[in-house]
Protein backbone atom coordinates (compact mmCIF):
# COMPACT_ATOMS: atom_id res chain seq x y z
CA MET A 1 144.17 90.29 79.63
CA LYS A 2 142.02 93.35 78.93
CA SER A 3 139.25 91.65 76.92
CA CYS A 4 139.08 88.85 79.84
CA GLY A 5 138.65 91.71 82.30
CA ILE A 6 136.00 93.13 80.06
CA ARG A 7 134.11 89.57 79.93
CA ALA A 8 134.29 89.23 83.87
CA SER A 9 132.95 92.67 84.11
CA SER A 10 129.92 91.83 81.84
CA ARG A 11 129.17 88.70 83.52
CA VAL A 12 129.12 90.52 86.80
CA SER A 13 127.00 93.10 85.46
CA THR A 14 124.51 90.66 84.43
CA VAL A 15 124.47 88.98 88.05
CA PHE A 16 123.91 92.18 89.56
CA LEU A 17 121.04 92.99 87.05
CA ALA A 18 119.55 89.74 87.90
CA LEU A 19 119.58 90.46 91.48
CA LEU A 20 118.18 93.67 91.24
CA VAL A 21 115.15 92.20 89.15
CA ALA A 22 114.78 89.33 91.87
CA ILE A 23 114.85 92.24 94.67
CA LEU A 24 112.15 94.42 93.10
CA PHE A 25 110.05 91.26 92.24
CA ALA A 26 110.07 90.02 95.89
CA SER A 27 109.57 93.44 97.35
CA SER A 28 106.30 94.13 95.24
CA SER A 29 104.86 90.46 95.64
CA GLN A 30 105.36 90.21 99.40
CA ALA A 31 101.88 91.32 100.87
CA SER A 32 101.99 93.27 104.28
CA TYR A 33 98.41 92.11 105.43
CA ILE A 34 96.94 93.35 108.45
CA VAL A 35 97.15 90.48 111.34
CA PRO A 36 95.47 88.48 112.08
CA SER A 37 93.67 88.09 108.79
CA ALA A 38 92.29 85.38 106.20
CA ILE A 39 93.90 85.37 102.81
CA VAL A 40 91.05 85.10 100.05
CA THR A 41 91.94 83.97 96.32
CA SER A 42 90.21 84.37 93.37
CA GLY A 43 87.63 81.59 92.65
CA GLY A 44 88.62 80.17 96.25
CA ALA A 45 86.66 78.68 99.00
CA SER A 46 85.08 80.86 101.49
CA VAL A 47 87.16 81.75 104.71
CA GLY A 48 86.35 82.46 108.28
CA VAL A 49 86.92 86.24 108.94
CA PRO A 50 89.07 86.52 112.04
CA LEU A 51 88.92 89.41 114.38
CA THR A 52 91.76 91.92 114.53
CA SER A 53 92.89 94.68 116.78
CA ALA A 54 95.87 95.73 114.99
CA ALA A 55 96.81 99.26 114.49
CA ALA A 56 94.80 100.69 111.94
CA GLY A 57 97.72 102.94 110.23
CA THR A 58 97.09 106.62 108.83
CA LEU A 59 93.76 107.50 107.61
CA LEU A 60 94.06 108.59 104.03
CA ALA A 61 90.44 108.89 102.71
CA THR A 62 86.62 108.25 104.05
CA LEU A 63 83.33 108.69 102.46
CA VAL A 64 79.77 107.84 103.64
CA SER A 65 77.37 106.70 100.83
CA PRO A 66 73.62 106.25 101.44
CA PHE A 67 72.07 103.34 99.82
CA SER A 68 68.15 102.45 99.41
CA PHE A 69 66.67 99.56 97.32
CA ALA A 70 63.06 98.43 96.90
CA THR A 71 62.22 94.90 97.97
CA THR A 72 58.95 92.75 98.08
CA ALA A 73 58.80 93.63 101.69
CA GLY A 74 59.45 97.22 101.29
CA THR A 75 62.25 99.87 101.08
CA THR A 76 65.84 98.97 102.84
CA SER A 77 68.15 101.67 103.24
CA GLY A 78 71.05 102.78 105.33
CA ASP A 79 74.86 103.80 104.61
CA ILE A 80 78.02 102.41 103.94
CA ILE A 81 81.11 104.03 105.33
CA SER A 82 84.43 103.25 103.37
CA ALA A 83 88.03 104.30 104.34
CA VAL A 84 91.37 103.58 103.15
CA PHE A 85 94.14 103.52 105.83
CA LEU A 86 98.02 103.37 105.00
CA ASN A 87 100.07 100.71 106.79
CA PRO A 88 103.79 101.59 108.16
CA SER A 89 104.70 99.11 105.26
CA GLY A 90 103.42 101.28 102.71
CA THR A 91 100.57 98.79 101.80
CA LEU A 92 96.73 99.91 102.02
CA ASP A 93 93.84 98.57 104.11
CA PHE A 94 90.17 99.24 103.03
CA TYR A 95 87.61 99.54 105.55
CA TYR A 96 83.85 99.10 105.67
CA GLN A 97 80.80 99.28 107.91
CA VAL A 98 77.00 99.06 107.06
CA ILE A 99 74.60 101.00 108.88
CA ASN A 100 71.05 99.87 108.14
CA SER A 101 68.31 102.02 109.02
CA ALA A 102 65.78 101.62 111.79
CA ASN A 103 62.89 101.70 109.20
CA SER A 104 64.28 99.36 106.72
CA ALA A 105 61.99 96.46 105.58
CA THR A 106 64.86 93.89 105.39
CA ALA A 107 67.84 92.82 107.12
CA LEU A 108 71.32 92.77 104.98
CA SER A 109 73.24 89.46 104.55
CA ARG A 110 76.03 90.74 102.57
CA GLU A 111 78.47 93.44 101.88
CA SER A 112 80.90 93.20 98.86
CA ASP A 113 83.59 95.60 97.36
CA THR A 114 85.18 96.04 93.90
CA SER A 115 87.65 96.11 92.33
CA PHE A 116 90.70 94.14 93.48
CA VAL A 117 91.91 92.65 90.21
CA GLY A 118 95.58 92.16 90.25
CA PHE A 119 96.23 92.92 93.82
CA GLY A 120 96.48 90.45 96.77
CA THR A 121 93.66 90.39 99.60
CA ALA A 122 93.04 89.27 103.22
CA VAL A 123 89.95 89.67 105.26
CA ALA A 124 89.29 90.63 108.91
CA PHE A 125 86.87 92.51 111.10
CA ARG A 126 87.20 94.76 114.04
CA LEU A 127 85.22 95.72 117.08
CA ASP A 128 86.76 99.02 118.04
CA GLY A 129 85.61 101.11 115.08
CA GLY A 130 84.95 103.72 117.75
CA SER A 131 88.51 104.27 118.17
CA LEU A 132 89.18 104.75 114.80
CA PRO A 133 89.09 108.01 112.70
CA GLY A 134 86.62 108.12 109.79
CA GLY A 135 83.23 108.06 111.40
CA PHE A 136 83.11 104.42 112.34
CA THR A 137 81.54 103.16 115.35
CA ASN A 138 81.83 99.97 117.49
CA GLY A 139 78.89 98.55 115.91
CA THR A 140 76.10 96.43 117.40
CA ALA A 141 77.11 93.53 119.43
CA GLY A 142 77.02 90.14 117.53
CA ILE A 143 76.70 91.59 114.12
CA ILE A 144 79.87 90.07 112.54
CA PRO A 145 80.95 88.71 109.37
CA VAL A 146 80.98 85.04 109.35
CA THR A 147 82.83 83.99 106.23
CA GLY A 148 84.72 86.24 103.31
CA ASP A 149 85.24 85.18 99.60
CA ARG A 150 86.49 86.44 96.35
CA ASP A 151 84.89 85.76 92.88
CA ALA A 152 86.80 83.92 90.01
CA SER A 153 87.62 87.04 88.26
CA GLY A 154 89.37 88.38 91.24
CA THR A 155 87.09 91.79 91.13
CA THR A 156 84.89 91.36 94.14
CA VAL A 157 85.62 90.48 97.65
CA GLY A 158 82.69 90.13 100.20
CA PHE A 159 81.52 89.55 103.56
CA ASN A 160 78.67 87.27 104.47
CA PHE A 161 76.56 87.65 107.79
CA VAL A 162 74.81 84.24 107.42
CA PRO A 163 74.53 81.39 107.97
CA ALA A 164 73.41 81.39 111.48
CA PRO A 165 74.56 80.55 114.15
CA PRO A 166 77.14 81.73 114.73
CA GLY A 167 76.51 84.63 112.35
CA THR A 168 73.28 86.68 111.75
CA LYS A 169 72.16 89.31 109.11
CA ILE A 170 72.45 93.06 109.73
CA PRO A 171 68.96 93.87 111.13
CA ALA A 172 67.03 96.83 110.78
CA GLY A 173 68.34 99.54 113.09
CA ASP A 174 71.58 97.67 113.61
CA THR A 175 75.21 98.60 112.63
CA SER A 176 77.76 95.95 111.30
CA ALA A 177 81.18 95.31 113.04
CA VAL A 178 84.03 97.29 110.92
CA MET A 179 85.12 94.86 107.73
CA VAL A 180 88.76 95.17 106.49
CA ILE A 181 90.18 94.24 103.15
CA SER A 182 93.95 94.16 104.02
CA THR A 183 95.94 94.57 100.29
CA ASP A 184 99.49 94.63 99.09
CA ALA A 185 98.32 97.81 97.07
CA THR A 186 100.16 100.87 97.50
CA ASN A 187 97.74 103.41 95.76
CA PHE A 188 94.04 103.50 95.53
CA THR A 189 91.14 105.22 93.49
CA VAL A 190 87.40 105.49 93.38
CA GLY A 191 85.72 102.18 93.57
CA ASN A 192 82.48 100.61 94.58
CA ALA A 193 80.27 98.97 97.54
CA GLU A 194 77.52 97.09 97.53
CA VAL A 195 74.80 95.51 100.13
CA ILE A 196 72.47 92.66 99.34
CA ASP A 197 69.44 90.94 100.59
CA GLY A 198 66.19 90.78 98.76
CA GLY A 199 67.57 93.62 96.58
CA THR A 200 70.94 95.36 95.99
CA GLN A 201 72.43 98.64 95.49
CA THR A 202 75.91 99.78 94.72
CA VAL A 203 77.46 103.05 96.01
CA ALA A 204 80.73 104.69 95.74
CA GLY A 205 83.61 103.62 97.82
CA PHE A 206 87.37 103.08 97.23
CA GLN A 207 89.45 100.30 95.36
CA PRO A 208 93.44 99.66 94.80
CA ALA A 209 95.23 101.32 92.14
CA PRO A 210 98.41 100.55 90.41
CA GLY A 211 101.15 102.74 91.79
CA VAL A 212 105.06 103.14 92.01
CA PRO A 213 107.05 100.76 93.88
CA GLU A 214 107.50 101.29 97.65
CA PRO A 215 110.21 103.58 98.96
CA ALA A 216 112.21 100.59 100.12
CA SER A 217 112.11 99.27 96.56
CA PHE A 218 113.68 102.35 95.32
CA ALA A 219 116.22 102.17 98.08
CA LEU A 220 117.20 98.60 97.19
CA VAL A 221 117.59 99.41 93.72
CA GLY A 222 119.91 102.50 94.66
CA LEU A 223 122.12 100.11 96.77
CA GLY A 224 122.20 97.59 93.69
CA LEU A 225 123.15 100.46 91.32
CA LEU A 226 125.84 101.85 93.59
CA ALA A 227 127.28 98.30 93.95
CA LEU A 228 127.25 97.80 90.43
CA ALA A 229 129.00 100.91 89.78
CA GLY A 230 131.73 100.03 92.44
CA VAL A 231 132.24 96.74 90.52
CA ARG A 232 132.51 98.39 87.06
CA ARG A 233 135.12 101.23 88.65
CA SER A 234 137.08 98.28 90.18
CA PHE A 235 137.67 96.60 86.64
CA LYS A 236 138.62 99.64 85.31
CA THR A 237 141.31 100.25 87.56
CA ARG A 238 142.78 96.86 87.02
């Protein structure tokens, strides 16, 4: 009878461990994207970028990076504002806004960001930048991203301001809407942002980074371990 109880305890322990693994996997793989947004997959088709006004969460970091590059028409310059916001779910959203200087020689057709390898991503834009912390503005009316995409390697997520209509490039003297890359990441580090049209320049920004499981995951593990300990005690008393 004792050996039977030991075998039963072993089977129950195995079941609980399997459940714990399943809980951890489900917790880490479920993205909590800003709503509404459009998921962009590695090498997938471009998607329309929806407007969102969802709560931005807590500002963790912000950065203003000047850019300047030469084109056949002259020099194009401006700034990219980058920021990281923490959602109540514990996941991170990465915000970007492009300011094209009034004396720039060209408009800007694309803004892209790296690196998002290993993380889920969804895109959106917002027109209420002036209400956000981090130095954002509402942007110039009508200057919104039309499509978003992610390259085959999963590294780069980009926003396209053409074709027109309904989209347009970011003309000299204008500022884009605030672009959002919503992720399932829980940590971040230094990354890159880039503007393109007739030339390109890469500047400093932010990117997701591997991190520890969310607090909710630890809580689930704790409950599972307590339950497992209870089962073991139950078998010992028998």
